[in-house]
Amino acid sequence: MNPLPLIVGLVAAARLGELAYSGRNARALKEHGAVELGAGHYPLIVALHAAWLLALLAFVPWNTVVNWIWLGLFLALQILRVWTVASLGRFWTARVYTVPAVPLVRRGPYRFVTHPNYLIVAGEIAVLPLVFGAWQIAWVFSILNAALLAWRIHIEERGLAPRRSLPQSQRSA
């Protein structure tokens, strides 16, 4: 079997699993007063991620040799992704939600970085194409992703600002 469709298929399956987990968490958060912020940008993020994976399948020869160093880096990013999602737990969603009057999570990678998930996603979008030597795809989608993430982070920061002054808790949102 050629590695490209297998690897892209595994990444797509992982993303679909994350969307299911996100949906479950979002429903529970909304029941507890969570408010979605910037819903208009979310379809663009979904489209970008789908186009990124489709671009790999469409433009990279399926028999391309895998660069194992880049693949190892991509797998390391997956470990960081799991750590990030696990750190937020029931508060992790693919969309931007805020629960008023609930302190922000300060555990896991959130002790060190404000938006670790976005750094990981930026790395994934750049690194996965490099596994197959597709630097053009890495470049184009990294630029598009940076623009969308700048918009998303602006929205998220504005929504989280009131919660930054709340007492910190290891078990909060």
Protein backbone atom coordinates (compact mmCIF):
# COMPACT_ATOMS: atom_id res chain seq x y z
CA MET A 1 0.00 0.00 0.00
CA ASN A 2 1.21 3.51 -0.78
CA PRO A 3 1.93 5.53 2.36
CA LEU A 4 0.37 8.84 1.29
CA PRO A 5 -3.32 7.82 1.25
CA LEU A 6 -2.84 5.76 4.41
CA ILE A 7 -1.25 8.62 6.36
CA VAL A 8 -3.70 11.23 5.06
CA GLY A 9 -6.57 8.85 5.85
CA LEU A 10 -5.32 8.39 9.41
CA VAL A 11 -5.02 12.15 9.89
CA ALA A 12 -8.53 12.66 8.48
CA ALA A 13 -9.92 9.96 10.78
CA ALA A 14 -8.24 11.60 13.78
CA ARG A 15 -9.73 14.97 12.81
CA LEU A 16 -13.21 13.45 12.47
CA GLY A 17 -12.81 11.87 15.91
CA GLU A 18 -11.81 15.24 17.32
CA LEU A 19 -14.89 16.83 15.76
CA ALA A 20 -17.10 14.25 17.46
CA TYR A 21 -15.37 14.86 20.81
CA SER A 22 -15.65 18.61 20.26
CA GLY A 23 -19.36 18.36 19.49
CA ARG A 24 -20.04 16.41 22.65
CA ASN A 25 -18.06 18.91 24.73
CA ALA A 26 -19.75 21.88 23.04
CA ARG A 27 -23.22 20.56 23.85
CA ALA A 28 -22.26 20.10 27.51
CA LEU A 29 -20.62 23.53 27.69
CA LYS A 30 -23.68 25.23 26.21
CA GLU A 31 -25.83 23.55 28.86
CA HIS A 32 -23.59 25.29 31.42
CA GLY A 33 -23.89 28.75 29.87
CA ALA A 34 -21.04 28.71 27.35
CA VAL A 35 -21.21 31.28 24.59
CA GLU A 36 -19.75 30.70 21.13
CA LEU A 37 -17.52 33.45 19.79
CA GLY A 38 -16.80 34.20 16.14
CA ALA A 39 -18.81 31.38 14.60
CA GLY A 40 -18.39 32.93 11.15
CA HIS A 41 -14.74 31.97 10.82
CA TYR A 42 -15.24 28.30 11.73
CA PRO A 43 -16.42 27.07 8.28
CA LEU A 44 -13.28 28.64 6.79
CA ILE A 45 -11.10 26.68 9.20
CA VAL A 46 -12.89 23.44 8.33
CA ALA A 47 -12.52 24.22 4.61
CA LEU A 48 -8.82 24.98 5.03
CA HIS A 49 -8.14 21.70 6.81
CA ALA A 50 -10.13 19.68 4.28
CA ALA A 51 -8.41 21.44 1.35
CA TRP A 52 -5.01 20.83 2.95
CA LEU A 53 -5.59 17.08 3.09
CA LEU A 54 -7.17 17.00 -0.37
CA ALA A 55 -4.22 18.97 -1.79
CA LEU A 56 -1.88 16.28 -0.51
CA LEU A 57 -3.92 13.57 -2.19
CA ALA A 58 -4.34 15.55 -5.41
CA PHE A 59 -0.86 16.98 -5.93
CA VAL A 60 1.57 14.58 -4.29
CA PRO A 61 2.35 11.38 -6.22
CA TRP A 62 1.01 8.51 -4.15
CA ASN A 63 4.26 6.58 -4.46
CA THR A 64 6.34 9.42 -2.99
CA VAL A 65 8.96 8.24 -0.53
CA VAL A 66 8.27 9.20 3.08
CA ASN A 67 10.80 11.40 4.87
CA TRP A 68 11.01 9.61 8.21
CA ILE A 69 12.47 12.58 10.07
CA TRP A 70 9.51 14.79 9.13
CA LEU A 71 7.11 11.94 9.90
CA GLY A 72 8.72 11.56 13.34
CA LEU A 73 8.23 15.28 13.93
CA PHE A 74 4.60 15.00 12.82
CA LEU A 75 4.07 12.12 15.26
CA ALA A 76 5.65 14.22 18.04
CA LEU A 77 3.14 16.95 17.22
CA GLN A 78 0.35 14.39 17.61
CA ILE A 79 1.58 13.59 21.12
CA LEU A 80 1.57 17.31 21.93
CA ARG A 81 -1.94 17.56 20.46
CA VAL A 82 -3.23 14.78 22.71
CA TRP A 83 -1.59 16.46 25.73
CA THR A 84 -3.22 19.77 24.82
CA VAL A 85 -6.68 18.29 24.28
CA ALA A 86 -6.40 16.21 27.47
CA SER A 87 -5.34 19.29 29.44
CA LEU A 88 -8.52 21.11 28.48
CA GLY A 89 -10.59 17.94 28.84
CA ARG A 90 -14.30 18.71 28.76
CA PHE A 91 -13.52 22.32 27.79
CA TRP A 92 -11.74 21.44 24.51
CA THR A 93 -13.71 22.24 21.37
CA ALA A 94 -12.88 22.93 17.75
CA ARG A 95 -15.00 26.08 17.97
CA VAL A 96 -14.37 28.99 20.31
CA TYR A 97 -16.55 28.88 23.43
CA THR A 98 -16.23 30.75 26.67
CA VAL A 99 -17.94 30.02 29.95
CA PRO A 100 -18.41 33.33 31.78
CA ALA A 101 -17.06 33.54 35.34
CA VAL A 102 -15.01 30.34 35.00
CA PRO A 103 -11.22 30.69 35.39
CA LEU A 104 -8.98 29.64 32.51
CA VAL A 105 -7.17 26.31 32.46
CA ARG A 106 -3.55 26.65 33.62
CA ARG A 107 -2.39 23.05 33.43
CA GLY A 108 -0.53 21.03 30.83
CA PRO A 109 0.94 23.14 28.04
CA TYR A 110 -1.31 26.03 29.10
CA ARG A 111 1.15 26.65 31.96
CA PHE A 112 3.72 27.69 29.36
CA VAL A 113 1.88 28.93 26.27
CA THR A 114 -1.41 30.78 25.81
CA HIS A 115 -2.53 28.95 22.64
CA PRO A 116 -0.60 25.66 22.40
CA ASN A 117 -3.19 24.03 20.15
CA TYR A 118 -2.74 26.73 17.51
CA LEU A 119 1.03 26.30 17.56
CA ILE A 120 0.58 22.56 17.11
CA VAL A 121 -1.87 23.01 14.23
CA ALA A 122 0.53 25.44 12.54
CA GLY A 123 3.26 22.84 12.89
CA GLU A 124 1.06 20.06 11.53
CA ILE A 125 0.01 22.06 8.48
CA ALA A 126 3.66 22.77 7.66
CA VAL A 127 5.15 19.39 8.59
CA LEU A 128 2.75 16.85 7.06
CA PRO A 129 3.36 18.03 3.48
CA LEU A 130 7.11 17.98 4.17
CA VAL A 131 6.80 14.27 5.03
CA PHE A 132 6.22 13.89 1.27
CA GLY A 133 8.52 16.69 0.08
CA ALA A 134 5.57 18.93 -0.79
CA TRP A 135 7.06 22.21 0.40
CA GLN A 136 4.72 24.23 -1.84
CA ILE A 137 1.67 22.81 -0.09
CA ALA A 138 3.33 23.42 3.28
CA TRP A 139 4.03 27.04 2.33
CA VAL A 140 0.62 27.91 0.85
CA PHE A 141 -1.44 26.31 3.61
CA SER A 142 0.81 27.70 6.35
CA ILE A 143 0.18 31.22 5.08
CA LEU A 144 -3.57 30.66 4.83
CA ASN A 145 -3.64 29.04 8.27
CA ALA A 146 -1.66 31.93 9.80
CA ALA A 147 -4.22 34.41 8.48
CA LEU A 148 -7.16 32.41 9.85
CA LEU A 149 -5.46 31.81 13.20
CA ALA A 150 -4.69 35.52 13.58
CA TRP A 151 -8.41 36.22 13.13
CA ARG A 152 -9.40 33.38 15.49
CA ILE A 153 -6.90 34.34 18.20
CA HIS A 154 -8.13 37.94 18.08
CA ILE A 155 -11.70 36.70 18.62
CA GLU A 156 -10.68 34.29 21.35
CA GLU A 157 -8.51 36.79 23.23
CA ARG A 158 -11.32 39.34 23.25
CA GLY A 159 -13.70 36.74 24.68
CA LEU A 160 -11.27 35.37 27.26
CA ALA A 161 -10.08 38.76 28.55
CA PRO A 162 -12.73 39.08 31.29
CA ARG A 163 -11.82 35.62 32.59
CA ARG A 164 -8.06 36.27 32.86
CA SER A 165 -8.49 38.13 36.15
CA LEU A 166 -10.51 35.35 37.80
CA PRO A 167 -8.80 33.29 40.54
CA GLN A 168 -6.80 30.49 39.01
CA SER A 169 -7.78 26.86 39.40
CA GLN A 170 -6.26 23.65 38.15
CA ARG A 171 -9.72 22.25 37.48
CA SER A 172 -11.32 25.12 35.59
CA ALA A 173 -11.95 26.18 31.99
